[in-house]
Structures are given as C-alpha cells and as structure tokens.
N, C-alpha and C. Protein backbone atom coordinates (compact mmCIF):
# COMPACT_ATOMS: atom_id res chain seq x y z
N MET A 1 -25.31 -17.41 3.53
CA MET A 1 -24.35 -17.28 3.06
C MET A 1 -24.00 -16.16 4.28
N LYS A 2 -22.65 -16.09 4.56
CA LYS A 2 -22.19 -15.30 5.41
C LYS A 2 -21.00 -14.56 4.84
N PRO A 3 -20.57 -13.23 5.21
CA PRO A 3 -19.43 -12.89 4.84
C PRO A 3 -17.99 -13.78 4.54
N GLN A 4 -17.75 -14.39 5.82
CA GLN A 4 -16.88 -15.47 6.00
C GLN A 4 -16.67 -16.29 4.91
N ASP A 5 -17.66 -16.70 4.27
CA ASP A 5 -17.78 -17.76 3.30
C ASP A 5 -16.90 -17.65 2.20
N ILE A 6 -16.94 -15.76 1.77
CA ILE A 6 -16.27 -15.78 0.55
C ILE A 6 -14.52 -15.39 1.06
N LEU A 7 -14.58 -15.50 2.17
CA LEU A 7 -13.23 -15.71 2.26
C LEU A 7 -12.22 -17.06 2.30
N ILE A 8 -13.37 -17.57 2.81
CA ILE A 8 -12.76 -19.16 2.69
C ILE A 8 -13.18 -19.60 1.45
N ILE A 9 -13.77 -19.20 0.63
CA ILE A 9 -14.05 -20.08 -0.90
C ILE A 9 -12.82 -19.53 -1.64
N LEU A 10 -12.13 -18.21 -1.81
CA LEU A 10 -10.89 -17.67 -2.03
C LEU A 10 -10.19 -18.72 -1.34
N LYS A 11 -9.88 -18.55 -0.53
CA LYS A 11 -8.55 -19.11 0.07
C LYS A 11 -8.47 -20.55 -0.50
N ILE A 12 -9.64 -21.26 -0.55
CA ILE A 12 -9.54 -22.47 -1.42
C ILE A 12 -9.12 -22.65 -2.88
N LEU A 13 -9.56 -21.36 -3.10
CA LEU A 13 -9.35 -20.89 -5.04
C LEU A 13 -7.66 -21.07 -5.31
N LEU A 14 -7.20 -20.16 -4.11
CA LEU A 14 -5.92 -20.03 -4.41
C LEU A 14 -4.66 -20.93 -3.79
N TRP A 15 -5.18 -21.96 -3.06
CA TRP A 15 -4.33 -23.24 -2.66
C TRP A 15 -4.05 -24.14 -3.91
N GLU A 16 -2.98 -23.91 -4.32
CA GLU A 16 -2.57 -24.25 -5.64
C GLU A 16 -2.53 -25.94 -5.37
N ASP A 17 -2.18 -26.86 -4.54
CA ASP A 17 -1.91 -27.98 -4.84
C ASP A 17 -3.23 -28.77 -4.32
N ASN A 18 -4.31 -28.10 -3.87
CA ASN A 18 -5.59 -28.74 -3.99
C ASN A 18 -5.54 -29.81 -2.31
N GLN A 19 -4.72 -29.57 -1.66
CA GLN A 19 -4.17 -30.60 -0.46
C GLN A 19 -4.43 -29.72 0.87
N TRP A 20 -5.25 -28.70 0.75
CA TRP A 20 -5.85 -27.89 1.77
C TRP A 20 -6.41 -28.86 2.74
N SER A 21 -6.54 -28.38 3.91
CA SER A 21 -7.28 -28.95 5.05
C SER A 21 -8.24 -27.79 5.45
N ILE A 22 -9.38 -28.43 6.38
CA ILE A 22 -10.06 -27.28 7.02
C ILE A 22 -9.32 -26.62 8.04
N ASP A 23 -8.45 -27.47 8.77
CA ASP A 23 -7.42 -27.13 9.74
C ASP A 23 -6.26 -26.06 8.93
N ARG A 24 -5.94 -25.92 8.01
CA ARG A 24 -4.97 -25.46 7.05
C ARG A 24 -5.57 -23.93 7.06
N ILE A 25 -6.51 -24.01 6.29
CA ILE A 25 -7.54 -23.06 5.87
C ILE A 25 -8.12 -22.04 7.09
N ALA A 26 -8.46 -22.92 8.00
CA ALA A 26 -8.57 -22.20 9.06
C ALA A 26 -7.62 -21.24 9.82
N LYS A 27 -6.85 -22.27 10.08
CA LYS A 27 -5.38 -21.18 10.50
C LYS A 27 -4.78 -19.80 9.80
N SER A 28 -5.00 -20.40 8.36
CA SER A 28 -4.60 -19.32 7.37
C SER A 28 -5.32 -18.15 7.66
N VAL A 29 -6.53 -18.26 7.77
CA VAL A 29 -7.65 -16.56 7.66
C VAL A 29 -8.16 -16.38 8.81
N GLY A 30 -7.33 -17.12 9.95
CA GLY A 30 -8.01 -16.72 11.40
C GLY A 30 -9.42 -16.81 11.86
N LEU A 31 -9.73 -18.18 11.37
CA LEU A 31 -11.07 -18.62 11.78
C LEU A 31 -10.94 -19.98 12.63
N SER A 32 -12.00 -20.22 13.07
CA SER A 32 -12.06 -21.67 13.88
C SER A 32 -12.22 -22.98 13.00
N ALA A 33 -11.93 -23.66 13.23
CA ALA A 33 -12.09 -25.34 12.25
C ALA A 33 -13.76 -25.49 12.22
N SER A 34 -14.52 -25.17 13.26
CA SER A 34 -15.97 -25.36 12.95
C SER A 34 -16.69 -24.24 11.91
N GLU A 35 -16.22 -22.77 12.16
CA GLU A 35 -16.45 -21.84 11.51
C GLU A 35 -16.01 -22.18 10.16
N THR A 36 -15.11 -22.76 9.62
CA THR A 36 -14.41 -23.22 8.18
C THR A 36 -15.20 -24.07 7.62
N HIS A 37 -15.85 -25.15 8.52
CA HIS A 37 -16.51 -26.25 7.96
C HIS A 37 -17.82 -25.53 7.66
N ALA A 38 -18.30 -24.72 8.36
CA ALA A 38 -19.31 -24.73 8.34
C ALA A 38 -19.71 -23.32 6.95
N ALA A 39 -18.41 -22.87 6.60
CA ALA A 39 -18.65 -21.69 5.39
C ALA A 39 -18.53 -22.70 4.35
N ILE A 40 -17.74 -23.52 4.43
CA ILE A 40 -17.58 -24.62 3.19
C ILE A 40 -19.06 -25.65 3.00
N LYS A 41 -19.52 -25.86 3.87
CA LYS A 41 -21.03 -26.35 3.79
C LYS A 41 -22.02 -24.92 3.37
N ARG A 42 -21.95 -24.19 3.83
CA ARG A 42 -22.52 -22.97 3.09
C ARG A 42 -22.34 -22.65 1.47
N CYS A 43 -21.12 -22.32 1.21
CA CYS A 43 -20.71 -22.36 0.22
C CYS A 43 -21.04 -23.53 -0.88
N GLU A 44 -21.05 -24.64 -0.53
CA GLU A 44 -21.54 -25.97 -1.04
C GLU A 44 -23.14 -26.07 -1.44
N LYS A 45 -24.26 -25.37 -0.32
CA LYS A 45 -25.38 -25.57 -0.78
C LYS A 45 -25.80 -24.35 -1.42
N SER A 46 -24.95 -23.44 -1.55
CA SER A 46 -25.25 -22.38 -2.50
C SER A 46 -24.73 -22.67 -3.67
N GLY A 47 -24.34 -23.40 -4.34
CA GLY A 47 -23.37 -23.89 -5.66
C GLY A 47 -22.27 -23.09 -5.87
N LEU A 48 -21.28 -22.73 -4.78
CA LEU A 48 -20.36 -21.84 -4.91
C LEU A 48 -18.91 -22.77 -4.77
N TYR A 49 -19.58 -24.06 -4.09
CA TYR A 49 -18.18 -25.17 -3.92
C TYR A 49 -18.74 -26.24 -4.53
N SER A 50 -17.86 -27.44 -4.75
CA SER A 50 -18.19 -28.51 -5.43
C SER A 50 -17.36 -29.67 -4.38
N THR A 51 -18.01 -30.50 -3.76
CA THR A 51 -17.35 -31.58 -3.06
C THR A 51 -16.41 -32.42 -3.92
N VAL A 52 -17.04 -32.76 -5.23
CA VAL A 52 -16.55 -33.84 -6.44
C VAL A 52 -15.10 -33.52 -6.54
N THR A 53 -15.04 -32.22 -6.94
CA THR A 53 -13.37 -31.54 -7.40
C THR A 53 -12.90 -30.91 -5.94
N ARG A 54 -13.15 -30.64 -4.77
CA ARG A 54 -12.90 -30.32 -4.07
C ARG A 54 -12.51 -28.35 -4.30
N LYS A 55 -12.95 -28.00 -4.78
CA LYS A 55 -12.89 -26.87 -5.69
C LYS A 55 -13.91 -25.43 -5.81
N PRO A 56 -13.71 -24.34 -5.76
CA PRO A 56 -14.80 -23.67 -6.13
C PRO A 56 -15.50 -24.00 -7.48
N VAL A 57 -16.46 -23.73 -7.86
CA VAL A 57 -17.26 -23.57 -9.00
C VAL A 57 -17.37 -22.10 -9.70
N ARG A 58 -16.25 -22.03 -10.28
CA ARG A 58 -15.72 -20.95 -10.90
C ARG A 58 -16.94 -19.80 -11.59
N SER A 59 -17.59 -20.43 -12.49
CA SER A 59 -18.97 -19.77 -12.95
C SER A 59 -19.64 -19.20 -11.88
N SER A 60 -19.86 -20.10 -10.82
CA SER A 60 -21.16 -19.47 -9.74
C SER A 60 -20.59 -18.46 -9.16
N LEU A 61 -19.08 -18.60 -8.85
CA LEU A 61 -18.23 -17.41 -7.78
C LEU A 61 -18.29 -16.11 -8.66
N GLU A 62 -17.78 -16.30 -9.64
CA GLU A 62 -18.02 -15.14 -10.55
C GLU A 62 -19.02 -14.56 -10.74
N GLU A 63 -20.08 -15.28 -10.83
CA GLU A 63 -21.43 -14.33 -10.97
C GLU A 63 -21.80 -13.70 -9.62
N PHE A 64 -21.76 -14.57 -8.54
CA PHE A 64 -22.15 -14.06 -7.47
C PHE A 64 -21.31 -12.58 -6.88
N ILE A 65 -20.24 -13.05 -6.98
CA ILE A 65 -18.83 -11.79 -6.63
C ILE A 65 -19.20 -10.57 -7.29
N ILE A 66 -19.30 -10.84 -8.76
CA ILE A 66 -19.62 -9.57 -9.80
C ILE A 66 -21.04 -9.01 -9.64
N HIS A 67 -22.11 -9.65 -9.46
CA HIS A 67 -23.59 -9.32 -9.35
C HIS A 67 -23.99 -9.34 -8.07
N GLY A 68 -23.47 -10.07 -7.11
CA GLY A 68 -24.53 -10.24 -6.12
C GLY A 68 -23.95 -9.38 -4.74
N LEU A 69 -22.68 -9.95 -4.73
CA LEU A 69 -21.61 -9.30 -3.60
C LEU A 69 -21.87 -8.02 -2.60
N LYS A 70 -22.36 -6.96 -3.92
CA LYS A 70 -22.51 -5.80 -3.24
C LYS A 70 -24.02 -5.78 -2.46
N TYR A 71 -25.00 -6.53 -3.17
CA TYR A 71 -26.44 -6.39 -2.57
C TYR A 71 -26.19 -7.09 -1.24
N ALA A 72 -25.61 -8.23 -1.01
CA ALA A 72 -25.36 -9.03 0.08
C ALA A 72 -24.82 -8.48 0.99
N PHE A 73 -23.63 -7.99 1.05
CA PHE A 73 -22.50 -7.27 1.97
C PHE A 73 -22.36 -6.26 1.45
N PRO A 74 -23.40 -5.14 1.79
CA PRO A 74 -22.89 -3.68 1.21
C PRO A 74 -22.12 -3.20 2.37
N VAL A 75 -21.64 -1.67 1.83
CA VAL A 75 -20.46 -1.26 2.63
C VAL A 75 -20.79 0.14 2.78
N GLU A 76 -20.56 0.77 3.78
CA GLU A 76 -20.50 2.27 4.08
C GLU A 76 -19.32 2.75 4.46
N PRO A 77 -18.51 3.89 3.51
CA PRO A 77 -17.34 4.58 4.38
C PRO A 77 -17.46 4.88 5.72
N GLY A 78 -16.34 4.85 6.14
CA GLY A 78 -16.34 5.14 8.08
C GLY A 78 -15.53 6.29 7.83
N PRO A 79 -14.97 6.42 9.28
CA PRO A 79 -14.05 7.78 9.44
C PRO A 79 -12.90 7.36 8.87
N LEU A 80 -11.85 8.20 9.27
CA LEU A 80 -10.34 8.14 9.07
C LEU A 80 -10.03 7.57 10.14
N GLU A 81 -9.29 6.32 9.63
CA GLU A 81 -8.35 5.78 10.83
C GLU A 81 -7.00 4.96 9.94
N ARG A 82 -6.51 4.43 10.64
CA ARG A 82 -4.98 4.15 10.38
C ARG A 82 -5.51 2.43 9.58
N GLY A 83 -5.06 1.92 8.98
CA GLY A 83 -5.57 0.33 8.30
C GLY A 83 -4.32 -0.02 7.22
N MET A 84 -5.04 -0.90 6.49
CA MET A 84 -4.68 -1.53 5.34
C MET A 84 -5.26 -1.17 4.16
N LEU A 85 -4.56 -0.67 3.24
CA LEU A 85 -5.21 -0.49 2.05
C LEU A 85 -6.29 -1.22 1.31
N THR A 86 -7.10 -0.70 1.16
CA THR A 86 -8.18 -2.02 0.03
C THR A 86 -9.19 -1.05 -1.08
N ALA A 87 -9.75 -1.43 -1.70
CA ALA A 87 -10.46 -1.16 -2.89
C ALA A 87 -9.36 -0.37 -3.99
N HIS A 88 -9.59 0.61 -4.45
CA HIS A 88 -8.60 1.10 -5.75
C HIS A 88 -7.41 1.70 -5.12
N SER A 89 -7.27 1.49 -3.76
CA SER A 89 -5.90 2.22 -3.06
C SER A 89 -5.17 1.31 -2.80
N ALA A 90 -5.48 0.05 -3.34
CA ALA A 90 -4.53 -0.98 -3.21
C ALA A 90 -4.25 -1.96 -4.27
N PRO A 91 -3.28 -2.61 -4.65
CA PRO A 91 -2.83 -3.35 -5.61
C PRO A 91 -4.22 -4.52 -5.93
N PRO A 92 -4.34 -4.79 -7.21
CA PRO A 92 -3.33 -4.06 -8.42
C PRO A 92 -4.13 -3.01 -8.98
N LEU A 93 -5.46 -2.24 -8.60
CA LEU A 93 -5.78 -1.38 -9.03
C LEU A 93 -5.13 -0.06 -8.89
N SER A 94 -4.52 0.23 -7.70
CA SER A 94 -3.86 1.26 -7.21
C SER A 94 -2.33 1.62 -8.34
N ASP A 95 -2.25 0.44 -9.25
CA ASP A 95 -0.96 0.52 -9.86
C ASP A 95 -1.80 0.41 -11.56
N ILE A 96 -3.07 0.89 -11.53
CA ILE A 96 -3.68 1.32 -12.63
C ILE A 96 -4.38 2.70 -12.74
N ILE A 97 -4.63 3.23 -11.34
CA ILE A 97 -5.51 4.10 -11.13
C ILE A 97 -4.81 5.16 -10.23
N ALA A 98 -4.57 6.55 -10.56
CA ALA A 98 -3.97 7.34 -9.99
C ALA A 98 -5.00 8.23 -9.53
N SER A 99 -5.12 8.11 -8.19
CA SER A 99 -6.21 8.85 -7.20
C SER A 99 -5.87 9.84 -6.52
N ASN A 100 -6.68 11.17 -6.98
CA ASN A 100 -6.34 12.14 -5.64
C ASN A 100 -7.27 11.87 -4.58
N ASP A 101 -8.09 11.14 -4.30
CA ASP A 101 -9.11 11.09 -3.42
C ASP A 101 -8.88 10.38 -2.20
N GLU A 102 -9.29 10.48 -1.38
CA GLU A 102 -8.97 9.70 -0.11
C GLU A 102 -8.47 8.70 -0.34
N LEU A 103 -7.77 8.03 0.34
CA LEU A 103 -7.62 6.68 0.38
C LEU A 103 -8.85 5.70 1.29
N TYR A 104 -8.77 4.45 0.82
CA TYR A 104 -9.67 3.41 1.32
C TYR A 104 -8.78 2.21 2.18
N VAL A 105 -9.16 2.24 3.62
CA VAL A 105 -8.44 1.52 4.03
C VAL A 105 -9.15 0.16 5.26
N TRP A 106 -8.91 -0.84 5.36
CA TRP A 106 -9.58 -1.56 6.53
C TRP A 106 -8.84 -1.34 7.73
N PRO A 107 -9.78 -0.83 8.75
CA PRO A 107 -9.08 -0.57 10.07
C PRO A 107 -8.50 -1.75 10.72
N TYR A 108 -7.17 -1.40 11.04
CA TYR A 108 -5.87 -2.31 11.29
C TYR A 108 -4.71 -2.23 11.40
N GLU A 109 -4.64 -2.24 13.40
CA GLU A 109 -3.61 -1.53 13.89
C GLU A 109 -2.36 -1.58 13.22
N GLU A 110 -1.73 -2.56 12.76
CA GLU A 110 -0.84 -3.02 12.25
C GLU A 110 -0.69 -2.42 10.34
N GLY A 111 -1.57 -1.64 10.07
CA GLY A 111 -1.65 -1.14 8.98
C GLY A 111 -0.90 0.41 8.67
N ASN A 112 -0.27 0.65 7.57
CA ASN A 112 1.02 1.57 7.59
C ASN A 112 0.10 2.65 6.44
N ALA A 113 -1.29 2.97 6.47
CA ALA A 113 -1.83 4.20 5.93
C ALA A 113 -3.15 4.42 6.73
N ARG A 114 -3.43 5.41 6.10
CA ARG A 114 -4.59 6.25 6.72
C ARG A 114 -5.60 6.88 5.86
N GLY A 115 -6.52 6.33 6.05
CA GLY A 115 -7.97 6.62 4.85
C GLY A 115 -9.09 6.24 5.50
N ILE A 116 -10.14 6.54 4.43
CA ILE A 116 -11.55 6.16 5.23
C ILE A 116 -11.42 4.72 5.24
N THR A 117 -11.95 4.21 6.46
CA THR A 117 -12.40 3.15 6.80
C THR A 117 -13.41 2.34 5.87
N ILE A 118 -13.10 1.24 5.44
CA ILE A 118 -14.12 0.16 4.97
C ILE A 118 -14.12 -1.02 5.77
N THR A 119 -15.51 -1.29 6.27
CA THR A 119 -15.64 -2.65 7.20
C THR A 119 -15.11 -4.00 6.18
N PRO A 120 -13.99 -4.29 6.60
CA PRO A 120 -13.53 -5.80 5.77
C PRO A 120 -14.89 -7.05 5.48
N LEU A 121 -14.98 -7.72 4.85
CA LEU A 121 -15.74 -8.61 4.72
C LEU A 121 -16.31 -9.45 5.87
N TYR A 122 -14.99 -9.81 6.48
CA TYR A 122 -14.82 -10.43 8.02
C TYR A 122 -13.60 -9.92 8.74
N PRO A 123 -13.50 -9.73 10.09
CA PRO A 123 -12.75 -8.98 10.85
C PRO A 123 -11.65 -9.79 10.78
N SER A 124 -11.09 -10.98 10.36
CA SER A 124 -9.95 -11.71 10.02
C SER A 124 -9.04 -11.63 9.03
N VAL A 125 -10.13 -10.35 7.84
CA VAL A 125 -9.51 -10.24 6.51
C VAL A 125 -8.13 -9.80 6.60
N PRO A 126 -7.87 -8.44 7.28
CA PRO A 126 -6.27 -7.82 7.38
C PRO A 126 -5.65 -9.17 7.81
N PHE A 127 -5.97 -9.96 8.68
CA PHE A 127 -4.70 -10.86 9.17
C PHE A 127 -4.33 -11.89 8.19
N ALA A 128 -5.54 -12.53 7.30
CA ALA A 128 -5.52 -13.11 6.45
C ALA A 128 -4.42 -12.78 5.28
N CYS A 129 -4.81 -11.23 4.84
CA CYS A 129 -4.22 -10.77 3.74
C CYS A 129 -2.83 -10.51 4.05
N LYS A 130 -2.14 -10.44 5.43
CA LYS A 130 -0.79 -10.00 5.79
C LYS A 130 0.27 -10.81 5.28
N THR A 131 -0.24 -12.09 4.87
CA THR A 131 0.76 -13.00 4.45
C THR A 131 0.27 -13.62 3.17
N ASP A 132 -0.56 -13.08 2.47
CA ASP A 132 -1.35 -13.79 1.10
C ASP A 132 -1.54 -12.77 0.24
N SER A 133 -0.64 -12.26 -0.54
CA SER A 133 -0.71 -11.32 -1.33
C SER A 133 -1.59 -11.39 -2.26
N GLU A 134 -1.69 -12.78 -2.79
CA GLU A 134 -3.00 -12.80 -3.95
C GLU A 134 -4.47 -12.94 -3.00
N LEU A 135 -4.56 -13.60 -2.17
CA LEU A 135 -5.98 -13.03 -1.44
C LEU A 135 -6.23 -11.82 -1.10
N TYR A 136 -5.30 -11.03 -0.97
CA TYR A 136 -5.32 -9.54 -0.61
C TYR A 136 -5.70 -8.93 -1.76
N GLN A 137 -5.10 -9.23 -3.07
CA GLN A 137 -5.52 -8.70 -4.37
C GLN A 137 -7.26 -8.54 -4.56
N TYR A 138 -7.26 -10.06 -4.42
CA TYR A 138 -8.93 -10.11 -4.47
C TYR A 138 -9.88 -9.74 -3.73
N LEU A 139 -9.61 -9.69 -2.57
CA LEU A 139 -10.38 -9.01 -1.64
C LEU A 139 -10.42 -7.48 -1.73
N ALA A 140 -9.11 -6.92 -2.13
CA ALA A 140 -9.34 -5.41 -2.47
C ALA A 140 -10.14 -5.51 -3.80
N LEU A 141 -9.83 -6.03 -4.51
CA LEU A 141 -10.91 -6.07 -5.87
C LEU A 141 -12.32 -6.25 -5.55
N ILE A 142 -12.68 -6.89 -4.85
CA ILE A 142 -13.97 -7.14 -4.19
C ILE A 142 -14.59 -5.74 -3.54
N ASP A 143 -13.37 -5.14 -2.64
CA ASP A 143 -14.01 -3.99 -2.22
C ASP A 143 -14.19 -3.02 -3.35
N SER A 144 -13.68 -3.04 -4.37
CA SER A 144 -13.94 -1.87 -5.02
C SER A 144 -15.25 -2.12 -6.08
N LEU A 145 -15.61 -3.63 -6.14
CA LEU A 145 -16.83 -3.51 -6.55
C LEU A 145 -17.92 -3.43 -5.70
N ARG A 146 -17.51 -3.57 -4.41
CA ARG A 146 -18.62 -3.01 -3.32
C ARG A 146 -19.03 -1.36 -3.29
N ILE A 147 -17.54 -0.75 -3.30
CA ILE A 147 -17.86 0.85 -2.98
C ILE A 147 -17.47 1.65 -4.27
N GLY A 148 -16.60 0.91 -5.23
CA GLY A 148 -16.35 1.98 -6.21
C GLY A 148 -17.17 2.31 -7.17
N ARG A 149 -16.55 3.65 -7.75
CA ARG A 149 -17.24 4.12 -8.89
C ARG A 149 -17.62 3.56 -10.22
N ALA A 150 -18.12 3.90 -10.88
CA ALA A 150 -18.31 2.98 -12.29
C ALA A 150 -16.76 2.78 -12.67
N ARG A 151 -15.79 3.51 -13.01
CA ARG A 151 -14.97 3.39 -13.68
C ARG A 151 -13.90 2.06 -12.53
N GLU A 152 -14.03 2.46 -11.60
CA GLU A 152 -13.18 1.21 -10.72
C GLU A 152 -13.96 -0.15 -10.45
N ARG A 153 -15.09 0.07 -10.73
CA ARG A 153 -15.93 -1.16 -10.41
C ARG A 153 -15.38 -2.12 -12.00
N LYS A 154 -15.74 -1.21 -12.98
CA LYS A 154 -15.27 -1.98 -14.51
C LYS A 154 -14.15 -2.53 -14.52
N LEU A 155 -13.22 -1.93 -13.92
CA LEU A 155 -11.69 -2.18 -13.70
C LEU A 155 -11.35 -3.56 -13.09
N ALA A 156 -12.08 -3.48 -11.86
CA ALA A 156 -12.24 -4.43 -10.84
C ALA A 156 -13.12 -5.62 -11.55
N GLU A 157 -14.00 -5.52 -12.08
CA GLU A 157 -14.65 -6.92 -12.84
C GLU A 157 -13.92 -7.50 -13.77
N GLU A 158 -13.25 -6.66 -14.55
CA GLU A 158 -12.06 -6.93 -15.88
C GLU A 158 -11.12 -7.87 -14.99
N ILE A 159 -10.43 -7.00 -13.91
CA ILE A 159 -9.22 -7.94 -13.29
C ILE A 159 -9.57 -8.96 -12.69
N PHE A 160 -10.73 -9.18 -11.87
CA PHE A 160 -11.11 -10.17 -11.00
C PHE A 160 -11.46 -11.49 -12.14
N ILE A 161 -12.06 -11.21 -13.10
CA ILE A 161 -12.64 -12.34 -13.71
C ILE A 161 -11.26 -13.11 -14.86
N LYS A 162 -10.20 -11.89 -15.03
CA LYS A 162 -8.66 -12.33 -15.77
C LYS A 162 -8.29 -13.25 -14.49
N LYS A 163 -8.00 -12.87 -13.18
CA LYS A 163 -7.27 -13.43 -12.51
C LYS A 163 -8.04 -14.99 -12.04
N LEU A 164 -9.46 -15.15 -12.38
CA LEU A 164 -10.30 -16.35 -11.77
C LEU A 164 -10.39 -17.34 -13.06
N LEU A 165 -9.85 -16.80 -14.08
CA LEU A 165 -10.24 -17.69 -14.93
C LEU A 165 -8.49 -18.29 -15.45
N ASN A 166 -7.38 -17.48 -14.91
CA ASN A 166 -6.17 -17.87 -15.01
C ASN A 166 -5.82 -18.65 -13.79
N LYS A 167 -6.41 -19.12 -12.82
CA LYS A 167 -6.36 -19.73 -11.45
C LYS A 167 -6.56 -21.34 -12.07
N SER A 168 -5.33 -22.23 -11.48
CA SER A 168 -5.70 -23.41 -12.46
C SER A 168 -6.83 -24.21 -11.26
C-alpha cells in the first residue's frame, strides 16, 4: 500500500454514478493515469477494492482506516505554516469540537489558515479537496485518526463509520 491508494479508494467511494474512469479519477486528484491504475491494483490486492462491483469493500476499508492507517502512515506535527485546515480543525469535527489549541493544516499556498502542519497522505490532497468537500471531510477525519487525542479519535471514528455506511 502507498498513501495515494487511500486518496484513490475514497474518491471511487464518493463517485456517485459508478461511471468513473481511471482518467477522470486521476485528473480529479492530481495523479497520473498510471499512478491511479497502480493504486487501484494495490487496493484490489489488499482487499480494499472489488473488480466485480467496481467499488471499495467497505468493511475492509473501515477496518484499515480505523485500525491500521495511523501505523502504516504515521504523522508528526511540523512547524507553523499557511495551509488548508485538517484534522479536528476542519469540518466535520470543527463543528463539534471547540478547541483553543493550535490549528492543524496541510501546507498549501492557497490555504487560508495558519497552523501546525500535518503532511497530507499525498502531496496532491489539498488540490483534490479544494473542489470536493466530501473528500475533504473524509481526509480530515483520517488525519484526526492519525494525530488526534482520544476524544478526537473517537469522534472521528464514529463520524467516519456513519459516513461510510451512508454512502450508497
């Protein structure tokens, strides 16, 4: 598995009409078609994607993201920089948690916040999230699972599972 595989599998999950193509997915997340194809193949091999349904295997995706992602792709807070809000500083958790702590951001020149940096799962994550609010919420929740304290992780887990189950 590579970090961009999570970006791709979430984008496939969010593609409502199931009429996605490798090229459309690649352009929407800022990857090449070959990188996107390779990510789908890795997701298939790891049991996160089914070629029969052309959809993610939700139970496997939930298990990996909730229990394994923080170990496979750990994160350490970085310096203060300008960027795009993430983790509990971004929706949907920012709507629930009032925090006096520093904000967390993905470093991003077009971002509108200043905070402690968290390296996104893949460099194109801010680009992909700029025009896809649902993908943004999923990836912010994932960052809460990767870096949050117990309360933030618990809330992120609950919201992530609810969103995953409500996706058709």
